Each structure stands twice: as structure tokens, then as C-alpha cells.
Amino acid sequence: MTRDAIILAAIAGAGLLTVLLFAAGADGAPRAIAALLFLLIGPGLACVRLLRLDDPLTELALAVAVSLALETIVATALLATGSWSAGAALAALVAITLAAVAAGFARARGAGSPRA
């Protein structure tokens, strides 16, 4: 398993763990820590990994910015449609993250490369 595959799998795992803790109704520190870590960098890192940047610090900074931007977009869309709930927001963000992770795996296998 390559380094990229490990990072993508960890991002997906963090998202799924957060959903499981939310669905189980877990309270306290474990749920808060999992949610904070995932929401801070998970969605953005999954997307930024697709850019294949050389500098890890730039990648991390962009991951935080993209995560916050995605969360703002999802929250705004849910509020605008009158369907706001924390569960719906988390589900949407995990779905976006898993789609980006899947694209990253496909790209790593060469399935996402353009054909001539």
C-alpha cells in the first residue's frame, strides 16, 4: 500500500468513524475530538490530495481552507433549502469526502487518466 493510499484510507476511516459516533449518539470527548479533527482537515485533504502538491505544509494549509469552505457551502445550502440539521451536514460532508477519496484511488490506479 502506497503512502497516498494510506492517507486516503485514513481520511475515509476518520469520516466513517465520525458518522458512527454521531449515529450511535456518543457524547463527550471521543465524538467531539473525532468530529473536530475530521471536519478541520478531512474533506479538504481528500480534495487537495487530488492536486498532488509537492509541499506538505501547503497541502495542509489548503486542506484546512478547503474544508472550511466546503462546510460553509454545505451549511448555506442546507439553510437555504430549509433542511438544516447537523446529521444532514455531516452526511453531505462525508459523502463529498468519500467521493474525493474514491477519485484519488481511481487516479492512483490510472483509471482516472484521460484517454487519447
C-alpha atoms as a PDB file:
ATOM      1  CA  MET A   1       0.000   0.000   0.000  1.00  0.00           C
ATOM      2  CA  THR A   2       1.442   3.346  -1.009  1.00  0.00           C
ATOM      3  CA  ARG A   3       1.681   6.417   1.193  1.00  0.00           C
ATOM      4  CA  ASP A   4      -1.124   8.091  -0.774  1.00  0.00           C
ATOM      5  CA  ALA A   5      -3.378   5.059  -0.348  1.00  0.00           C
ATOM      6  CA  ILE A   6      -2.740   5.028   3.405  1.00  0.00           C
ATOM      7  CA  ILE A   7      -3.589   8.729   3.690  1.00  0.00           C
ATOM      8  CA  LEU A   8      -6.760   8.325   1.619  1.00  0.00           C
ATOM      9  CA  ALA A   9      -7.838   5.294   3.661  1.00  0.00           C
ATOM     10  CA  ALA A  10      -7.208   7.211   6.905  1.00  0.00           C
ATOM     11  CA  ILE A  11      -9.338  10.127   5.678  1.00  0.00           C
ATOM     12  CA  ALA A  12     -12.186   7.784   4.739  1.00  0.00           C
ATOM     13  CA  GLY A  13     -11.863   5.962   8.056  1.00  0.00           C
ATOM     14  CA  ALA A  14     -11.978   9.207  10.016  1.00  0.00           C
ATOM     15  CA  GLY A  15     -15.144  10.249   8.215  1.00  0.00           C
ATOM     16  CA  LEU A  16     -16.829   6.918   8.805  1.00  0.00           C
ATOM     17  CA  LEU A  17     -15.781   6.905  12.479  1.00  0.00           C
ATOM     18  CA  THR A  18     -17.296  10.359  12.922  1.00  0.00           C
ATOM     19  CA  VAL A  19     -20.566   9.213  11.341  1.00  0.00           C
ATOM     20  CA  LEU A  20     -20.655   6.091  13.517  1.00  0.00           C
ATOM     21  CA  LEU A  21     -20.091   8.103  16.694  1.00  0.00           C
ATOM     22  CA  PHE A  22     -22.794  10.568  15.638  1.00  0.00           C
ATOM     23  CA  ALA A  23     -25.266   7.813  14.748  1.00  0.00           C
ATOM     24  CA  ALA A  24     -24.597   5.968  17.994  1.00  0.00           C
ATOM     25  CA  GLY A  25     -25.364   9.125  19.940  1.00  0.00           C
ATOM     26  CA  ALA A  26     -21.971   9.116  21.618  1.00  0.00           C
ATOM     27  CA  ASP A  27     -21.411  12.167  23.789  1.00  0.00           C
ATOM     28  CA  GLY A  28     -18.350  13.767  25.223  1.00  0.00           C
ATOM     29  CA  ALA A  29     -14.744  13.901  24.223  1.00  0.00           C
ATOM     30  CA  PRO A  30     -14.480  10.992  21.728  1.00  0.00           C
ATOM     31  CA  ARG A  31     -17.237  12.343  19.483  1.00  0.00           C
ATOM     32  CA  ALA A  32     -16.033  15.936  19.783  1.00  0.00           C
ATOM     33  CA  ILE A  33     -12.415  15.062  19.011  1.00  0.00           C
ATOM     34  CA  ALA A  34     -13.318  12.830  16.069  1.00  0.00           C
ATOM     35  CA  ALA A  35     -15.664  15.457  14.635  1.00  0.00           C
ATOM     36  CA  LEU A  36     -13.215  18.313  15.128  1.00  0.00           C
ATOM     37  CA  LEU A  37     -10.300  16.502  13.510  1.00  0.00           C
ATOM     38  CA  PHE A  38     -12.360  15.204  10.619  1.00  0.00           C
ATOM     39  CA  LEU A  39     -14.168  18.466   9.917  1.00  0.00           C
ATOM     40  CA  LEU A  40     -10.990  20.532  10.201  1.00  0.00           C
ATOM     41  CA  ILE A  41      -8.962  18.674   7.594  1.00  0.00           C
ATOM     42  CA  GLY A  42     -10.828  15.607   6.258  1.00  0.00           C
ATOM     43  CA  PRO A  43     -12.933  16.960   3.391  1.00  0.00           C
ATOM     44  CA  GLY A  44     -10.283  19.434   2.295  1.00  0.00           C
ATOM     45  CA  LEU A  45      -7.389  16.978   2.444  1.00  0.00           C
ATOM     46  CA  ALA A  46      -9.322  14.456   0.376  1.00  0.00           C
ATOM     47  CA  CYS A  47      -9.823  17.131  -2.297  1.00  0.00           C
ATOM     48  CA  VAL A  48      -6.358  18.690  -2.080  1.00  0.00           C
ATOM     49  CA  ARG A  49      -4.660  15.280  -2.435  1.00  0.00           C
ATOM     50  CA  LEU A  50      -6.013  15.230  -5.989  1.00  0.00           C
ATOM     51  CA  LEU A  51      -3.737  18.180  -6.822  1.00  0.00           C
ATOM     52  CA  ARG A  52      -0.584  16.184  -5.984  1.00  0.00           C
ATOM     53  CA  LEU A  53       1.246  19.107  -4.428  1.00  0.00           C
ATOM     54  CA  ASP A  54       4.925  18.719  -3.527  1.00  0.00           C
ATOM     55  CA  ASP A  55       4.887  20.732  -0.300  1.00  0.00           C
ATOM     56  CA  PRO A  56       3.150  19.035   2.663  1.00  0.00           C
ATOM     57  CA  LEU A  57       2.745  22.333   4.530  1.00  0.00           C
ATOM     58  CA  THR A  58       0.989  23.943   1.570  1.00  0.00           C
ATOM     59  CA  GLU A  59      -1.175  20.852   1.255  1.00  0.00           C
ATOM     60  CA  LEU A  60      -2.174  21.041   4.922  1.00  0.00           C
ATOM     61  CA  ALA A  61      -2.920  24.768   4.779  1.00  0.00           C
ATOM     62  CA  LEU A  62      -5.067  24.306   1.681  1.00  0.00           C
ATOM     63  CA  ALA A  63      -6.789  21.306   3.281  1.00  0.00           C
ATOM     64  CA  VAL A  64      -7.965  23.420   6.214  1.00  0.00           C
ATOM     65  CA  ALA A  65      -9.118  26.232   3.913  1.00  0.00           C
ATOM     66  CA  VAL A  66     -10.959  23.874   1.546  1.00  0.00           C
ATOM     67  CA  SER A  67     -12.566  22.033   4.476  1.00  0.00           C
ATOM     68  CA  LEU A  68     -13.902  25.262   5.928  1.00  0.00           C
ATOM     69  CA  ALA A  69     -15.116  26.392   2.509  1.00  0.00           C
ATOM     70  CA  LEU A  70     -16.924  23.099   1.868  1.00  0.00           C
ATOM     71  CA  GLU A  71     -18.529  23.235   5.306  1.00  0.00           C
ATOM     72  CA  THR A  72     -19.727  26.773   4.636  1.00  0.00           C
ATOM     73  CA  ILE A  73     -21.170  25.772   1.259  1.00  0.00           C
ATOM     74  CA  VAL A  74     -22.956  22.724   2.705  1.00  0.00           C
ATOM     75  CA  ALA A  75     -24.347  24.690   5.655  1.00  0.00           C
ATOM     76  CA  THR A  76     -25.523  27.507   3.397  1.00  0.00           C
ATOM     77  CA  ALA A  77     -27.221  25.088   1.000  1.00  0.00           C
ATOM     78  CA  LEU A  78     -28.981  23.289   3.847  1.00  0.00           C
ATOM     79  CA  LEU A  79     -30.126  26.556   5.401  1.00  0.00           C
ATOM     80  CA  ALA A  80     -31.294  27.935   2.052  1.00  0.00           C
ATOM     81  CA  THR A  81     -33.408  24.845   1.420  1.00  0.00           C
ATOM     82  CA  GLY A  82     -34.803  24.828   4.946  1.00  0.00           C
ATOM     83  CA  SER A  83     -33.400  21.391   5.679  1.00  0.00           C
ATOM     84  CA  TRP A  84     -30.646  22.206   8.173  1.00  0.00           C
ATOM     85  CA  SER A  85     -29.591  19.503  10.600  1.00  0.00           C
ATOM     86  CA  ALA A  86     -26.217  18.514  11.959  1.00  0.00           C
ATOM     87  CA  GLY A  87     -26.719  14.962  10.711  1.00  0.00           C
ATOM     88  CA  ALA A  88     -27.505  16.098   7.178  1.00  0.00           C
ATOM     89  CA  ALA A  89     -24.475  18.391   7.132  1.00  0.00           C
ATOM     90  CA  LEU A  90     -22.190  15.620   8.372  1.00  0.00           C
ATOM     91  CA  ALA A  91     -23.643  13.156   5.865  1.00  0.00           C
ATOM     92  CA  ALA A  92     -23.091  15.593   2.993  1.00  0.00           C
ATOM     93  CA  LEU A  93     -19.512  16.316   4.054  1.00  0.00           C
ATOM     94  CA  VAL A  94     -18.688  12.631   4.443  1.00  0.00           C
ATOM     95  CA  ALA A  95     -20.215  11.947   1.014  1.00  0.00           C
ATOM     96  CA  ILE A  96     -18.075  14.689  -0.556  1.00  0.00           C
ATOM     97  CA  THR A  97     -15.023  13.316   1.236  1.00  0.00           C
ATOM     98  CA  LEU A  98     -15.650   9.731   0.139  1.00  0.00           C
ATOM     99  CA  ALA A  99     -16.180  10.870  -3.462  1.00  0.00           C
ATOM    100  CA  ALA A 100     -12.823  12.679  -3.392  1.00  0.00           C
ATOM    101  CA  VAL A 101     -11.154   9.638  -1.788  1.00  0.00           C
ATOM    102  CA  ALA A 102     -12.622   7.385  -4.495  1.00  0.00           C
ATOM    103  CA  ALA A 103     -11.324   9.774  -7.161  1.00  0.00           C
ATOM    104  CA  GLY A 104      -7.908   9.666  -5.504  1.00  0.00           C
ATOM    105  CA  PHE A 105      -7.853   5.856  -5.556  1.00  0.00           C
ATOM    106  CA  ALA A 106      -9.026   5.811  -9.187  1.00  0.00           C
ATOM    107  CA  ARG A 107      -6.344   8.304 -10.147  1.00  0.00           C
ATOM    108  CA  ALA A 108      -3.673   6.274  -8.369  1.00  0.00           C
ATOM    109  CA  ARG A 109      -4.692   3.186 -10.344  1.00  0.00           C
ATOM    110  CA  GLY A 110      -4.670   5.128 -13.586  1.00  0.00           C
ATOM    111  CA  ALA A 111      -8.417   4.731 -14.115  1.00  0.00           C
ATOM    112  CA  GLY A 112      -8.892   8.500 -13.999  1.00  0.00           C
ATOM    113  CA  SER A 113      -6.298   9.333 -16.633  1.00  0.00           C
ATOM    114  CA  PRO A 114      -7.563  10.928 -19.848  1.00  0.00           C
ATOM    115  CA  ARG A 115      -7.658   8.758 -22.923  1.00  0.00           C
ATOM    116  CA  ALA A 116      -6.331   9.867 -26.276  1.00  0.00           C
END
